[in-house]
Amino acid sequence: MLETSKDLLNVMLGSSVLLVALLFSWLLYQSARTIKGLNDTISVIQNIVKNIDEGVNIFKNKANNAGAFLSVFIKGAQSVLDTIREKKSSAKKSSAKKQK
């Protein structure tokens, strides 16, 4: 089988090439696992950002609705206060006329 030193050299070269191929295969596998882990992490972060964005949009919509309701409420309260002021001023005028 190993008749000359050239045969031994060929066996050593073959085993070296095999070890280098195994090393590169292992490095490629580890790189792929790392990239997959990063991809999963980025996906989770994107979902979190998407949920935060949806929450902010919902809050904006509710704030706009509440703002519209609040403006209507304030206008109604102003008209009620104006009516109360008119009643008080008319009551003061009528009491002043009664005292004369």
N, C-alpha and C. Protein backbone atom coordinates (compact mmCIF):
# COMPACT_ATOMS: atom_id res chain seq x y z
N MET A 1 0.83 -1.18 0.00
CA MET A 1 0.00 0.00 0.00
C MET A 1 0.88 1.25 0.00
N LEU A 2 1.66 1.48 1.01
CA LEU A 2 2.56 2.64 1.04
C LEU A 2 3.95 2.16 0.61
N GLU A 3 4.18 2.13 -0.67
CA GLU A 3 5.45 1.62 -1.18
C GLU A 3 6.52 2.69 -1.22
N THR A 4 6.10 3.96 -1.45
CA THR A 4 7.11 5.02 -1.53
C THR A 4 6.69 6.17 -0.64
N SER A 5 7.58 7.09 -0.48
CA SER A 5 7.27 8.27 0.34
C SER A 5 6.24 9.16 -0.35
N LYS A 6 6.15 9.03 -1.68
CA LYS A 6 5.15 9.81 -2.41
C LYS A 6 3.75 9.33 -2.05
N ASP A 7 3.59 8.05 -1.82
CA ASP A 7 2.28 7.54 -1.40
C ASP A 7 1.91 8.10 -0.03
N LEU A 8 2.85 8.16 0.87
CA LEU A 8 2.61 8.72 2.20
C LEU A 8 2.26 10.21 2.09
N LEU A 9 2.95 10.91 1.21
CA LEU A 9 2.68 12.32 0.99
C LEU A 9 1.25 12.51 0.47
N ASN A 10 0.82 11.67 -0.47
CA ASN A 10 -0.54 11.77 -1.01
C ASN A 10 -1.59 11.51 0.07
N VAL A 11 -1.33 10.55 0.94
CA VAL A 11 -2.27 10.26 2.04
C VAL A 11 -2.35 11.46 2.98
N MET A 12 -1.21 12.05 3.30
CA MET A 12 -1.19 13.21 4.20
C MET A 12 -1.90 14.42 3.56
N LEU A 13 -1.67 14.63 2.27
CA LEU A 13 -2.35 15.72 1.58
C LEU A 13 -3.87 15.50 1.55
N GLY A 14 -4.28 14.30 1.30
CA GLY A 14 -5.71 13.98 1.28
C GLY A 14 -6.36 14.21 2.64
N SER A 15 -5.68 13.76 3.70
CA SER A 15 -6.25 13.95 5.04
C SER A 15 -6.25 15.43 5.42
N SER A 16 -5.24 16.18 4.98
CA SER A 16 -5.20 17.62 5.26
C SER A 16 -6.34 18.34 4.55
N VAL A 17 -6.56 17.99 3.29
CA VAL A 17 -7.66 18.59 2.53
C VAL A 17 -8.99 18.25 3.20
N LEU A 18 -9.14 17.02 3.68
CA LEU A 18 -10.36 16.62 4.37
C LEU A 18 -10.56 17.43 5.64
N LEU A 19 -9.51 17.63 6.43
CA LEU A 19 -9.62 18.41 7.66
C LEU A 19 -9.96 19.87 7.36
N VAL A 20 -9.34 20.43 6.33
CA VAL A 20 -9.63 21.82 5.95
C VAL A 20 -11.09 21.93 5.49
N ALA A 21 -11.57 20.97 4.73
CA ALA A 21 -12.96 20.98 4.27
C ALA A 21 -13.91 20.88 5.46
N LEU A 22 -13.59 20.02 6.42
CA LEU A 22 -14.43 19.90 7.63
C LEU A 22 -14.42 21.20 8.42
N LEU A 23 -13.26 21.85 8.54
CA LEU A 23 -13.16 23.11 9.27
C LEU A 23 -14.00 24.20 8.61
N PHE A 24 -13.89 24.32 7.28
CA PHE A 24 -14.69 25.31 6.58
C PHE A 24 -16.18 24.99 6.65
N SER A 25 -16.54 23.73 6.62
CA SER A 25 -17.95 23.35 6.75
C SER A 25 -18.48 23.74 8.12
N TRP A 26 -17.68 23.48 9.16
CA TRP A 26 -18.09 23.82 10.52
C TRP A 26 -18.21 25.34 10.67
N LEU A 27 -17.26 26.10 10.12
CA LEU A 27 -17.32 27.57 10.18
C LEU A 27 -18.53 28.10 9.42
N LEU A 28 -18.83 27.52 8.28
CA LEU A 28 -20.00 27.94 7.51
C LEU A 28 -21.30 27.66 8.28
N TYR A 29 -21.36 26.49 8.92
CA TYR A 29 -22.53 26.14 9.72
C TYR A 29 -22.70 27.12 10.89
N GLN A 30 -21.61 27.42 11.59
CA GLN A 30 -21.70 28.34 12.72
C GLN A 30 -22.09 29.75 12.25
N SER A 31 -21.58 30.17 11.11
CA SER A 31 -21.95 31.48 10.56
C SER A 31 -23.43 31.51 10.22
N ALA A 32 -23.94 30.45 9.63
CA ALA A 32 -25.36 30.39 9.28
C ALA A 32 -26.23 30.43 10.54
N ARG A 33 -25.82 29.73 11.59
CA ARG A 33 -26.57 29.76 12.85
C ARG A 33 -26.58 31.16 13.44
N THR A 34 -25.43 31.84 13.38
CA THR A 34 -25.35 33.20 13.92
C THR A 34 -26.25 34.14 13.13
N ILE A 35 -26.23 34.04 11.82
CA ILE A 35 -27.06 34.89 10.98
C ILE A 35 -28.54 34.61 11.23
N LYS A 36 -28.90 33.34 11.42
CA LYS A 36 -30.30 33.00 11.72
C LYS A 36 -30.71 33.59 13.05
N GLY A 37 -29.83 33.53 14.05
CA GLY A 37 -30.13 34.14 15.35
C GLY A 37 -30.33 35.64 15.24
N LEU A 38 -29.49 36.30 14.46
CA LEU A 38 -29.65 37.74 14.25
C LEU A 38 -30.96 38.03 13.53
N ASN A 39 -31.29 37.21 12.56
CA ASN A 39 -32.55 37.39 11.82
C ASN A 39 -33.75 37.24 12.75
N ASP A 40 -33.71 36.26 13.62
CA ASP A 40 -34.81 36.07 14.58
C ASP A 40 -34.91 37.26 15.53
N THR A 41 -33.77 37.75 15.99
CA THR A 41 -33.76 38.90 16.89
C THR A 41 -34.31 40.14 16.20
N ILE A 42 -33.91 40.37 14.97
CA ILE A 42 -34.41 41.52 14.21
C ILE A 42 -35.91 41.39 13.99
N SER A 43 -36.38 40.18 13.74
CA SER A 43 -37.82 39.96 13.55
C SER A 43 -38.59 40.30 14.82
N VAL A 44 -38.07 39.89 15.97
CA VAL A 44 -38.73 40.20 17.24
C VAL A 44 -38.74 41.70 17.47
N ILE A 45 -37.62 42.37 17.18
CA ILE A 45 -37.55 43.82 17.36
C ILE A 45 -38.53 44.52 16.43
N GLN A 46 -38.66 44.04 15.20
CA GLN A 46 -39.61 44.63 14.26
C GLN A 46 -41.04 44.47 14.77
N ASN A 47 -41.36 43.32 15.35
CA ASN A 47 -42.71 43.12 15.90
C ASN A 47 -42.96 44.07 17.07
N ILE A 48 -41.96 44.26 17.92
CA ILE A 48 -42.11 45.17 19.05
C ILE A 48 -42.34 46.60 18.55
N VAL A 49 -41.54 47.03 17.58
CA VAL A 49 -41.69 48.38 17.03
C VAL A 49 -43.06 48.53 16.36
N LYS A 50 -43.51 47.49 15.67
CA LYS A 50 -44.82 47.53 15.02
C LYS A 50 -45.93 47.68 16.07
N ASN A 51 -45.82 46.92 17.16
CA ASN A 51 -46.84 47.02 18.21
C ASN A 51 -46.82 48.40 18.87
N ILE A 52 -45.63 48.96 19.08
CA ILE A 52 -45.54 50.30 19.66
C ILE A 52 -46.16 51.32 18.72
N ASP A 53 -45.90 51.17 17.43
CA ASP A 53 -46.46 52.09 16.44
C ASP A 53 -47.98 52.00 16.43
N GLU A 54 -48.52 50.79 16.47
CA GLU A 54 -49.98 50.62 16.51
C GLU A 54 -50.55 51.25 17.78
N GLY A 55 -49.87 51.07 18.91
CA GLY A 55 -50.33 51.68 20.16
C GLY A 55 -50.33 53.18 20.09
N VAL A 56 -49.30 53.77 19.49
CA VAL A 56 -49.24 55.22 19.35
C VAL A 56 -50.37 55.71 18.44
N ASN A 57 -50.61 54.99 17.35
CA ASN A 57 -51.70 55.38 16.44
C ASN A 57 -53.06 55.30 17.13
N ILE A 58 -53.28 54.26 17.90
CA ILE A 58 -54.54 54.13 18.64
C ILE A 58 -54.68 55.27 19.64
N PHE A 59 -53.58 55.58 20.33
CA PHE A 59 -53.61 56.68 21.30
C PHE A 59 -53.91 58.01 20.60
N LYS A 60 -53.31 58.23 19.42
CA LYS A 60 -53.58 59.46 18.67
C LYS A 60 -55.06 59.54 18.29
N ASN A 61 -55.60 58.43 17.80
CA ASN A 61 -57.02 58.43 17.41
C ASN A 61 -57.92 58.71 18.59
N LYS A 62 -57.63 58.09 19.71
CA LYS A 62 -58.45 58.31 20.90
C LYS A 62 -58.29 59.74 21.41
N ALA A 63 -57.06 60.27 21.33
CA ALA A 63 -56.83 61.64 21.76
C ALA A 63 -57.57 62.61 20.85
N ASN A 64 -57.59 62.35 19.55
CA ASN A 64 -58.34 63.21 18.63
C ASN A 64 -59.83 63.16 18.94
N ASN A 65 -60.34 61.95 19.20
CA ASN A 65 -61.76 61.82 19.54
C ASN A 65 -62.06 62.52 20.86
N ALA A 66 -61.17 62.36 21.82
CA ALA A 66 -61.38 63.01 23.11
C ALA A 66 -61.26 64.52 22.97
N GLY A 67 -60.35 64.98 22.11
CA GLY A 67 -60.22 66.42 21.88
C GLY A 67 -61.47 67.00 21.26
N ALA A 68 -62.05 66.30 20.31
CA ALA A 68 -63.29 66.77 19.68
C ALA A 68 -64.41 66.80 20.72
N PHE A 69 -64.51 65.76 21.53
CA PHE A 69 -65.54 65.71 22.56
C PHE A 69 -65.30 66.81 23.59
N LEU A 70 -64.04 67.04 23.94
CA LEU A 70 -63.71 68.06 24.93
C LEU A 70 -64.07 69.45 24.42
N SER A 71 -63.82 69.72 23.15
CA SER A 71 -64.18 71.04 22.61
C SER A 71 -65.69 71.24 22.64
N VAL A 72 -66.45 70.21 22.32
CA VAL A 72 -67.92 70.31 22.38
C VAL A 72 -68.36 70.51 23.82
N PHE A 73 -67.74 69.80 24.75
CA PHE A 73 -68.07 69.92 26.17
C PHE A 73 -67.77 71.33 26.67
N ILE A 74 -66.62 71.90 26.26
CA ILE A 74 -66.24 73.25 26.70
C ILE A 74 -67.21 74.28 26.16
N LYS A 75 -67.61 74.14 24.89
CA LYS A 75 -68.58 75.08 24.30
C LYS A 75 -69.92 75.00 25.03
N GLY A 76 -70.33 73.79 25.36
CA GLY A 76 -71.57 73.62 26.11
C GLY A 76 -71.47 74.24 27.49
N ALA A 77 -70.34 74.04 28.15
CA ALA A 77 -70.16 74.61 29.48
C ALA A 77 -70.13 76.14 29.41
N GLN A 78 -69.53 76.69 28.37
CA GLN A 78 -69.51 78.15 28.22
C GLN A 78 -70.92 78.70 28.03
N SER A 79 -71.72 78.00 27.24
CA SER A 79 -73.09 78.49 27.03
C SER A 79 -73.89 78.39 28.34
N VAL A 80 -73.65 77.34 29.13
CA VAL A 80 -74.34 77.21 30.42
C VAL A 80 -73.90 78.34 31.34
N LEU A 81 -72.60 78.64 31.39
CA LEU A 81 -72.11 79.72 32.23
C LEU A 81 -72.65 81.07 31.78
N ASP A 82 -72.72 81.28 30.47
CA ASP A 82 -73.29 82.53 29.96
C ASP A 82 -74.75 82.67 30.39
N THR A 83 -75.50 81.58 30.32
CA THR A 83 -76.90 81.60 30.74
C THR A 83 -77.01 81.92 32.23
N ILE A 84 -76.12 81.33 33.04
CA ILE A 84 -76.15 81.58 34.48
C ILE A 84 -75.79 83.04 34.77
N ARG A 85 -74.82 83.59 34.06
CA ARG A 85 -74.45 84.99 34.25
C ARG A 85 -75.61 85.92 33.88
N GLU A 86 -76.29 85.61 32.79
CA GLU A 86 -77.43 86.43 32.38
C GLU A 86 -78.53 86.38 33.43
N LYS A 87 -78.78 85.21 33.98
CA LYS A 87 -79.82 85.07 35.01
C LYS A 87 -79.44 85.87 36.25
N LYS A 88 -78.13 85.79 36.63
CA LYS A 88 -77.69 86.53 37.81
C LYS A 88 -77.78 88.03 37.58
N SER A 89 -77.35 88.46 36.40
CA SER A 89 -77.39 89.91 36.12
C SER A 89 -78.84 90.40 36.04
N SER A 90 -79.70 89.60 35.47
CA SER A 90 -81.11 90.01 35.41
C SER A 90 -81.74 89.98 36.81
N ALA A 91 -81.29 89.04 37.63
CA ALA A 91 -81.81 88.98 39.00
C ALA A 91 -81.32 90.18 39.80
N LYS A 92 -80.08 90.62 39.60
CA LYS A 92 -79.55 91.79 40.30
C LYS A 92 -80.28 93.05 39.85
N LYS A 93 -80.55 93.16 38.54
CA LYS A 93 -81.25 94.33 38.03
C LYS A 93 -82.66 94.40 38.58
N SER A 94 -83.32 93.25 38.63
CA SER A 94 -84.70 93.26 39.13
C SER A 94 -84.71 93.53 40.63
N SER A 95 -83.73 93.07 41.38
CA SER A 95 -83.69 93.35 42.82
C SER A 95 -83.33 94.83 43.06
N ALA A 96 -82.49 95.39 42.19
CA ALA A 96 -82.15 96.82 42.32
C ALA A 96 -83.37 97.68 42.03
N LYS A 97 -84.18 97.31 41.07
CA LYS A 97 -85.40 98.07 40.75
C LYS A 97 -86.41 97.95 41.87
N LYS A 98 -86.48 96.81 42.54
CA LYS A 98 -87.42 96.61 43.64
C LYS A 98 -87.01 97.45 44.84
N GLN A 99 -85.75 97.67 45.05
CA GLN A 99 -85.28 98.43 46.21
C GLN A 99 -85.54 99.93 46.03
N LYS A 100 -85.64 100.43 44.83
CA LYS A 100 -85.89 101.86 44.59
C LYS A 100 -87.31 102.14 44.91
